[in-house]
N, C-alpha and C. Protein backbone atom coordinates (compact mmCIF):
# COMPACT_ATOMS: atom_id res chain seq x y z
N MET A 1 97.75 115.99 62.31
CA MET A 1 97.34 116.62 61.08
C MET A 1 98.28 118.05 61.83
N ASP A 2 98.92 118.40 60.71
CA ASP A 2 99.32 120.03 60.35
C ASP A 2 97.86 121.42 60.47
N ILE A 3 98.53 122.43 60.15
CA ILE A 3 97.33 123.39 60.01
C ILE A 3 97.37 123.71 58.76
N PHE A 4 98.30 123.46 58.07
CA PHE A 4 98.16 123.43 56.04
C PHE A 4 96.84 122.42 55.68
N THR A 5 97.08 121.23 56.05
CA THR A 5 96.21 120.32 56.15
C THR A 5 94.63 120.57 56.64
N THR A 6 94.48 121.42 57.61
CA THR A 6 93.50 121.68 57.88
C THR A 6 93.20 122.57 57.18
N PHE A 7 93.45 123.62 56.59
CA PHE A 7 93.28 124.81 55.53
C PHE A 7 92.88 123.92 54.26
N LYS A 8 93.65 123.30 54.22
CA LYS A 8 92.60 122.16 52.22
C LYS A 8 91.76 121.36 52.82
N ILE A 9 91.89 121.06 54.06
CA ILE A 9 90.10 120.43 53.77
C ILE A 9 88.96 121.08 53.87
N ALA A 10 89.15 122.50 54.48
CA ALA A 10 87.83 122.51 54.67
C ALA A 10 87.70 123.77 53.66
N ALA A 11 89.35 123.98 52.98
CA ALA A 11 89.51 125.23 51.61
C ALA A 11 88.02 124.21 50.52
N SER A 12 88.33 122.93 50.53
CA SER A 12 88.01 121.53 49.95
C SER A 12 86.13 121.70 50.09
N ALA A 13 85.97 121.94 51.24
CA ALA A 13 84.86 121.59 51.88
C ALA A 13 84.11 122.58 51.52
N MET A 14 84.56 124.19 51.51
CA MET A 14 83.97 125.43 50.67
C MET A 14 83.59 125.49 49.52
N LYS A 15 84.40 124.52 49.22
CA LYS A 15 84.19 124.87 47.23
C LYS A 15 83.36 123.79 46.50
N ALA A 16 83.60 123.03 47.62
CA ALA A 16 82.22 121.98 47.52
C ALA A 16 80.98 122.80 47.25
N GLN A 17 80.55 122.88 48.75
CA GLN A 17 79.62 123.89 49.15
C GLN A 17 79.29 124.75 48.03
N ARG A 18 80.22 125.43 47.46
CA ARG A 18 80.15 126.86 46.66
C ARG A 18 79.23 126.44 45.44
N ILE A 19 79.57 125.46 44.49
CA ILE A 19 79.06 124.37 43.49
C ILE A 19 77.49 123.91 44.27
N ARG A 20 77.68 123.84 45.60
CA ARG A 20 76.32 123.45 45.96
C ARG A 20 74.76 124.20 44.95
N LEU A 21 76.20 125.71 46.32
CA LEU A 21 74.88 126.64 46.64
C LEU A 21 74.88 127.24 45.17
N ASN A 22 75.49 127.50 43.80
CA ASN A 22 75.29 127.61 42.85
C ASN A 22 74.37 126.80 42.10
N THR A 23 74.40 125.41 41.90
CA THR A 23 73.35 124.60 41.40
C THR A 23 71.60 125.09 42.01
N VAL A 24 71.92 125.14 43.35
CA VAL A 24 70.75 124.78 44.00
C VAL A 24 70.21 126.56 43.50
N SER A 25 70.80 127.59 43.44
CA SER A 25 70.75 128.85 42.42
C SER A 25 70.05 128.82 41.71
N SER A 26 70.67 128.05 40.26
CA SER A 26 70.48 127.59 39.25
C SER A 26 68.85 127.51 38.99
N ASN A 27 68.70 126.25 39.90
CA ASN A 27 66.90 125.57 40.99
C ASN A 27 65.86 126.88 40.38
N LEU A 28 66.98 127.52 41.30
CA LEU A 28 65.56 128.50 42.07
C LEU A 28 65.34 129.32 40.76
N ALA A 29 66.06 129.71 39.86
CA ALA A 29 66.28 130.81 38.46
C ALA A 29 65.42 130.06 38.08
N ASN A 30 64.89 128.79 37.60
CA ASN A 30 64.34 128.83 36.57
C ASN A 30 63.28 127.56 37.09
N VAL A 31 62.30 128.22 38.35
CA VAL A 31 61.56 127.09 38.59
C VAL A 31 60.03 127.61 37.48
N GLU A 32 60.24 128.47 37.25
CA GLU A 32 59.42 129.06 35.96
C GLU A 32 59.32 128.34 34.69
N THR A 33 60.74 127.93 34.15
CA THR A 33 60.95 128.12 32.88
C THR A 33 60.43 126.61 32.09
N THR A 34 59.67 127.11 30.95
CA THR A 34 58.94 125.61 30.56
C THR A 34 59.84 125.52 29.34
N SER A 35 61.00 126.38 28.72
CA SER A 35 60.85 125.75 27.78
C SER A 35 62.96 126.08 27.96
N THR A 36 63.62 125.00 27.58
CA THR A 36 64.81 125.15 27.35
C THR A 36 65.17 125.33 25.85
N PRO A 37 67.02 124.89 25.39
CA PRO A 37 67.17 124.69 24.43
C PRO A 37 67.15 123.15 23.55
N GLU A 38 67.23 122.52 25.27
CA GLU A 38 67.11 121.32 24.78
C GLU A 38 66.00 120.70 24.70
N GLY A 39 64.78 121.51 24.59
CA GLY A 39 63.72 120.88 24.32
C GLY A 39 62.57 121.04 25.81
N GLY A 40 61.47 121.29 26.25
CA GLY A 40 61.07 121.15 27.62
C GLY A 40 61.32 121.56 28.35
N PRO A 41 60.70 121.37 29.71
CA PRO A 41 61.13 122.37 30.78
C PRO A 41 62.32 122.20 31.57
N TYR A 42 62.57 123.42 32.07
CA TYR A 42 64.16 122.73 32.91
C TYR A 42 63.86 121.52 33.70
N LYS A 43 65.16 121.17 34.27
CA LYS A 43 65.18 120.16 34.71
C LYS A 43 65.81 120.39 36.19
N LYS A 44 65.48 119.74 37.32
CA LYS A 44 66.33 120.50 38.29
C LYS A 44 67.70 119.34 38.51
N LYS A 45 68.72 120.28 38.74
CA LYS A 45 70.05 119.79 39.25
C LYS A 45 70.19 118.96 40.84
N SER A 46 71.01 118.12 41.05
CA SER A 46 71.34 117.93 42.14
C SER A 46 73.09 117.21 42.24
N VAL A 47 73.57 117.52 43.47
CA VAL A 47 74.85 117.94 43.49
C VAL A 47 75.14 116.87 44.12
N TYR A 48 76.46 115.62 43.81
CA TYR A 48 77.13 114.63 44.48
C TYR A 48 78.40 115.07 45.04
N PHE A 49 78.75 114.65 46.17
CA PHE A 49 79.95 114.81 46.97
C PHE A 49 80.83 113.48 47.54
N GLU A 50 81.73 113.62 47.26
CA GLU A 50 82.40 112.29 47.77
C GLU A 50 83.73 112.83 48.38
N SER A 51 84.40 112.11 49.25
CA SER A 51 85.69 111.87 50.27
C SER A 51 86.45 112.34 48.25
N ALA A 52 87.57 112.71 49.14
CA ALA A 52 88.66 113.19 47.77
C ALA A 52 90.02 112.94 48.92
N PRO A 53 90.72 112.22 48.36
CA PRO A 53 92.23 112.25 48.81
C PRO A 53 93.24 113.06 48.61
N MET A 54 93.99 113.91 49.96
CA MET A 54 94.62 115.25 49.52
C MET A 54 95.97 114.83 48.25
N SER A 55 96.86 115.61 48.48
CA SER A 55 98.02 115.31 47.13
C SER A 55 99.00 114.12 47.80
N PHE A 56 99.64 113.55 47.22
CA PHE A 56 100.63 112.52 47.65
C PHE A 56 101.13 112.61 48.65
N LYS A 57 101.66 113.87 48.92
CA LYS A 57 102.28 114.54 49.70
C LYS A 57 101.81 114.39 51.54
N ASP A 58 100.61 114.81 50.64
CA ASP A 58 99.58 114.92 51.71
C ASP A 58 98.69 113.33 52.36
N ASN A 59 98.71 112.63 51.62
CA ASN A 59 97.93 111.24 51.45
C ASN A 59 98.98 110.78 52.88
N LEU A 60 100.44 110.62 52.18
CA LEU A 60 101.45 110.15 52.87
C LEU A 60 101.55 110.47 54.12
N GLN A 61 101.62 111.68 54.57
CA GLN A 61 101.44 112.30 56.01
C GLN A 61 100.02 111.83 56.51
N SER A 62 99.46 111.99 56.34
CA SER A 62 98.26 111.82 56.50
C SER A 62 98.17 110.55 57.04
N ALA A 63 98.85 109.47 56.25
CA ALA A 63 98.72 107.94 56.30
C ALA A 63 99.70 107.71 58.04
N ILE A 64 100.83 108.30 57.88
CA ILE A 64 101.82 108.19 59.30
C ILE A 64 101.28 108.87 60.72
N LYS A 65 99.89 109.91 60.33
CA LYS A 65 99.56 110.83 61.38
C LYS A 65 97.94 110.62 61.50
N GLY A 66 97.43 109.89 60.36
CA GLY A 66 96.14 109.70 60.69
C GLY A 66 95.37 110.07 59.28
N ASN A 67 93.94 109.48 59.35
CA ASN A 67 93.72 109.54 57.86
C ASN A 67 93.04 111.10 57.61
N ALA A 68 92.88 111.75 56.87
CA ALA A 68 92.38 113.00 56.63
C ALA A 68 92.24 113.01 55.15
N GLN A 69 91.07 113.50 54.65
CA GLN A 69 90.30 113.77 53.62
C GLN A 69 89.67 114.82 53.57
N GLY A 70 89.76 115.48 52.39
CA GLY A 70 88.78 116.37 52.04
C GLY A 70 87.92 115.90 51.02
N VAL A 71 87.06 116.78 50.48
CA VAL A 71 85.89 116.23 49.56
C VAL A 71 85.78 116.90 48.52
N GLU A 72 84.88 116.54 47.48
CA GLU A 72 84.31 117.09 45.89
C GLU A 72 83.86 116.75 45.84
N VAL A 73 82.83 117.50 44.67
CA VAL A 73 82.00 117.41 43.65
C VAL A 73 82.17 116.10 42.86
N THR A 74 81.61 115.29 42.88
CA THR A 74 81.67 114.02 41.94
C THR A 74 81.11 114.09 40.53
N LYS A 75 79.77 114.52 40.39
CA LYS A 75 78.80 114.93 39.59
C LYS A 75 77.42 115.58 39.82
N ILE A 76 76.98 115.96 38.81
CA ILE A 76 76.08 116.79 39.38
C ILE A 76 74.91 116.38 38.18
N ILE A 77 73.80 115.80 38.61
CA ILE A 77 72.67 115.17 37.95
C ILE A 77 71.79 115.48 37.41
N GLU A 78 71.41 115.85 36.39
CA GLU A 78 69.86 116.49 35.92
C GLU A 78 68.44 115.46 36.61
N ASP A 79 67.65 116.05 37.31
CA ASP A 79 66.26 114.78 38.01
C ASP A 79 66.20 114.17 36.67
N GLN A 80 65.63 112.59 36.63
CA GLN A 80 65.01 112.06 35.76
C GLN A 80 63.88 112.03 35.88
N ASP A 81 63.08 112.57 36.80
CA ASP A 81 61.45 112.52 37.21
C ASP A 81 60.74 113.62 36.31
N PRO A 82 59.01 113.12 35.99
CA PRO A 82 58.63 113.52 34.49
C PRO A 82 58.13 114.64 35.34
N PRO A 83 58.14 115.99 34.27
CA PRO A 83 57.68 117.15 34.82
C PRO A 83 55.70 117.74 35.53
N GLN A 84 55.82 118.45 36.76
CA GLN A 84 54.65 118.74 36.73
C GLN A 84 53.69 119.07 35.52
N LEU A 85 52.98 118.45 35.79
CA LEU A 85 51.48 119.37 34.74
C LEU A 85 50.57 119.89 35.23
N ILE A 86 50.46 121.33 34.36
CA ILE A 86 49.61 122.86 35.21
C ILE A 86 48.83 122.65 34.14
N TYR A 87 47.38 122.88 34.66
CA TYR A 87 46.56 123.35 34.07
C TYR A 87 46.35 124.55 33.48
N ASN A 88 46.43 124.82 32.56
CA ASN A 88 46.79 126.78 31.91
C ASN A 88 46.23 126.63 30.21
N PRO A 89 45.83 126.47 29.96
CA PRO A 89 45.65 127.06 28.89
C PRO A 89 45.77 128.03 27.28
N SER A 90 46.24 129.07 28.62
CA SER A 90 46.59 130.44 28.35
C SER A 90 47.97 130.51 27.73
N HIS A 91 48.50 129.26 28.42
CA HIS A 91 50.31 129.87 28.54
C HIS A 91 50.78 129.40 26.76
N PRO A 92 51.39 130.40 26.73
CA PRO A 92 52.10 130.20 25.33
C PRO A 92 52.76 128.42 25.04
N ASP A 93 52.91 128.03 26.18
CA ASP A 93 53.93 126.69 25.72
C ASP A 93 53.06 125.50 26.88
N ALA A 94 52.07 126.06 26.22
CA ALA A 94 50.43 124.70 27.03
C ALA A 94 50.42 123.97 25.95
N ARG A 95 50.22 122.26 25.89
CA ARG A 95 50.06 121.23 24.82
C ARG A 95 48.75 121.49 24.10
N ASP A 96 48.11 120.76 23.42
CA ASP A 96 46.93 120.68 22.95
C ASP A 96 45.76 120.53 24.15
N ASP A 97 46.13 119.74 24.86
CA ASP A 97 44.90 119.29 26.10
C ASP A 97 44.93 120.55 26.94
N GLY A 98 45.74 121.55 27.23
CA GLY A 98 45.57 122.96 27.87
C GLY A 98 46.95 122.52 29.24
N TYR A 99 47.35 121.81 29.49
CA TYR A 99 48.33 121.55 30.41
C TYR A 99 49.73 121.80 29.66
N VAL A 100 50.47 122.31 30.36
CA VAL A 100 52.00 122.93 30.65
C VAL A 100 52.99 122.33 31.80
N GLU A 101 53.78 122.11 30.59
CA GLU A 101 55.03 121.21 31.33
C GLU A 101 56.08 122.19 32.46
N MET A 102 56.10 121.61 33.85
CA MET A 102 56.57 122.83 34.58
C MET A 102 57.59 122.25 35.08
N PRO A 103 58.27 122.85 35.63
CA PRO A 103 59.77 122.20 36.25
C PRO A 103 59.37 120.80 37.54
N ASN A 104 59.87 120.36 37.64
CA ASN A 104 59.64 119.48 39.00
C ASN A 104 60.81 119.80 40.16
N ILE A 105 60.19 120.75 40.75
CA ILE A 105 61.25 121.83 41.45
C ILE A 105 60.50 122.28 42.79
N SER A 106 60.87 121.52 43.99
CA SER A 106 60.07 123.04 45.08
C SER A 106 60.81 123.28 45.66
N MET A 107 60.09 124.52 45.73
CA MET A 107 60.69 125.64 46.70
C MET A 107 61.08 125.59 47.74
N LEU A 108 60.91 124.91 48.60
CA LEU A 108 60.59 124.66 49.63
C LEU A 108 62.14 123.65 49.84
N LYS A 109 61.95 123.08 49.37
CA LYS A 109 63.48 122.31 49.48
C LYS A 109 64.71 122.86 49.14
N GLU A 110 64.36 123.40 47.66
CA GLU A 110 66.10 124.28 47.67
C GLU A 110 65.92 125.64 48.65
N LEU A 111 65.11 125.83 49.22
CA LEU A 111 65.49 126.63 50.50
C LEU A 111 66.54 126.28 51.12
N VAL A 112 65.65 124.72 51.64
CA VAL A 112 66.58 123.93 52.91
C VAL A 112 67.95 123.82 52.19
N ASP A 113 67.97 123.64 50.85
CA ASP A 113 69.05 122.65 50.38
C ASP A 113 70.08 124.10 50.25
N MET A 114 69.59 125.22 50.25
CA MET A 114 70.44 126.28 50.32
C MET A 114 70.88 126.78 51.37
N THR A 115 70.34 127.11 52.65
CA THR A 115 70.33 126.88 54.06
C THR A 115 71.52 125.62 54.77
N SER A 116 71.72 124.66 54.09
CA SER A 116 72.47 123.87 54.66
C SER A 116 73.32 123.95 53.82
N ALA A 117 73.59 124.55 52.46
CA ALA A 117 74.70 124.65 51.73
C ALA A 117 75.93 126.01 52.61
N THR A 118 74.52 127.32 52.65
CA THR A 118 75.20 128.08 53.55
C THR A 118 76.09 128.14 54.69
N ARG A 119 75.07 126.96 55.54
CA ARG A 119 75.13 126.51 57.22
C ARG A 119 76.69 125.72 57.07
N SER A 120 76.83 124.96 56.08
CA SER A 120 78.15 124.31 56.14
C SER A 120 79.29 125.38 55.75
N TYR A 121 78.90 125.92 54.81
CA TYR A 121 80.71 126.87 54.18
C TYR A 121 80.73 127.74 55.38
N GLU A 122 80.03 128.10 56.32
CA GLU A 122 80.10 129.05 57.53
C GLU A 122 80.96 128.50 58.90
N ALA A 123 80.53 127.35 58.88
CA ALA A 123 80.94 126.07 59.45
C ALA A 123 82.52 126.15 58.87
N ASN A 124 83.18 125.83 58.12
CA ASN A 124 84.13 125.59 57.49
C ASN A 124 85.03 127.00 57.66
N THR A 125 84.41 128.06 57.54
CA THR A 125 85.06 129.18 57.37
C THR A 125 84.83 129.80 59.04
N THR A 126 84.69 129.06 60.61
CA THR A 126 85.34 128.58 61.06
C THR A 126 86.20 127.63 61.28
N VAL A 127 86.34 126.53 61.26
CA VAL A 127 87.38 125.92 61.28
C VAL A 127 88.50 126.52 60.86
N ILE A 128 88.45 127.49 59.56
CA ILE A 128 89.84 128.21 58.92
C ILE A 128 90.58 129.31 59.98
N LYS A 129 89.22 130.00 60.72
CA LYS A 129 89.49 131.20 61.49
C LYS A 129 89.68 130.38 62.96
N SER A 130 89.34 129.55 63.30
CA SER A 130 89.94 128.59 64.36
C SER A 130 91.28 128.35 64.49
N ALA A 131 91.81 127.70 63.44
CA ALA A 131 92.85 126.75 62.86
C ALA A 131 94.11 128.10 62.97
N LYS A 132 93.59 129.46 62.68
CA LYS A 132 94.47 130.23 62.25
C LYS A 132 94.48 130.66 63.91
N ARG A 133 93.70 131.43 64.13
CA ARG A 133 93.93 131.39 66.02
C ARG A 133 94.63 130.88 67.00
N MET A 134 94.49 129.67 66.61
CA MET A 134 95.80 128.64 67.66
C MET A 134 96.91 128.92 66.97
N ALA A 135 96.82 128.57 65.47
CA ALA A 135 98.76 128.86 65.05
C ALA A 135 99.24 130.34 65.32
N LEU A 136 98.49 131.38 66.32
CA LEU A 136 98.74 132.29 66.09
C LEU A 136 99.00 132.58 67.83
N LYS A 137 97.72 131.87 68.41
CA LYS A 137 98.62 131.66 70.04
C LYS A 137 99.78 130.79 70.38
N ALA A 138 100.22 129.52 69.07
CA ALA A 138 101.10 128.86 69.58
C ALA A 138 102.09 129.60 68.99
N LEU A 139 102.30 130.09 68.12
CA LEU A 139 103.25 131.46 68.01
C LEU A 139 103.80 132.47 69.35
N GLU A 140 102.75 132.83 70.24
CA GLU A 140 102.76 133.79 70.83
C GLU A 140 103.81 133.08 72.33
N ILE A 141 103.16 131.76 72.09
CA ILE A 141 104.10 131.12 73.44
C ILE A 141 105.22 130.91 73.30
N GLY A 142 105.69 130.78 71.60
CA GLY A 142 106.99 131.12 71.58
C GLY A 142 107.76 132.37 71.93
N ARG A 143 107.29 133.12 72.26
CA ARG A 143 108.26 134.50 72.50
C ARG A 143 108.37 134.20 73.59
């Protein structure tokens, strides 16, 4: 695998983790949102990844040298679980029985997911920096 393939794979992972982090941010920002334009409370969104083949040229070279694939976001799905019911009759969005439908978002799970996305992004940044250093060292050998 050449250095440019390494860059492409790490860059695809960084892009996917950026989308994941944006989705987690959206979930955290809407943890108290009880009313959306679609009606009802905000629904938690989850990101799904899938390995992605590189371009035809990269695929051809990876078939010769080894199997290398990047990653891509295949879908972002809204959670279909029912909303949490919290008793608060003074809330403007309370139902007749006094319960408010709140988003089914766990702050703790979202923070763990955010930390995981951040660490994965940092790991891919390290891969790119390491590959760059190795290439520079290889150039120094040729001097």
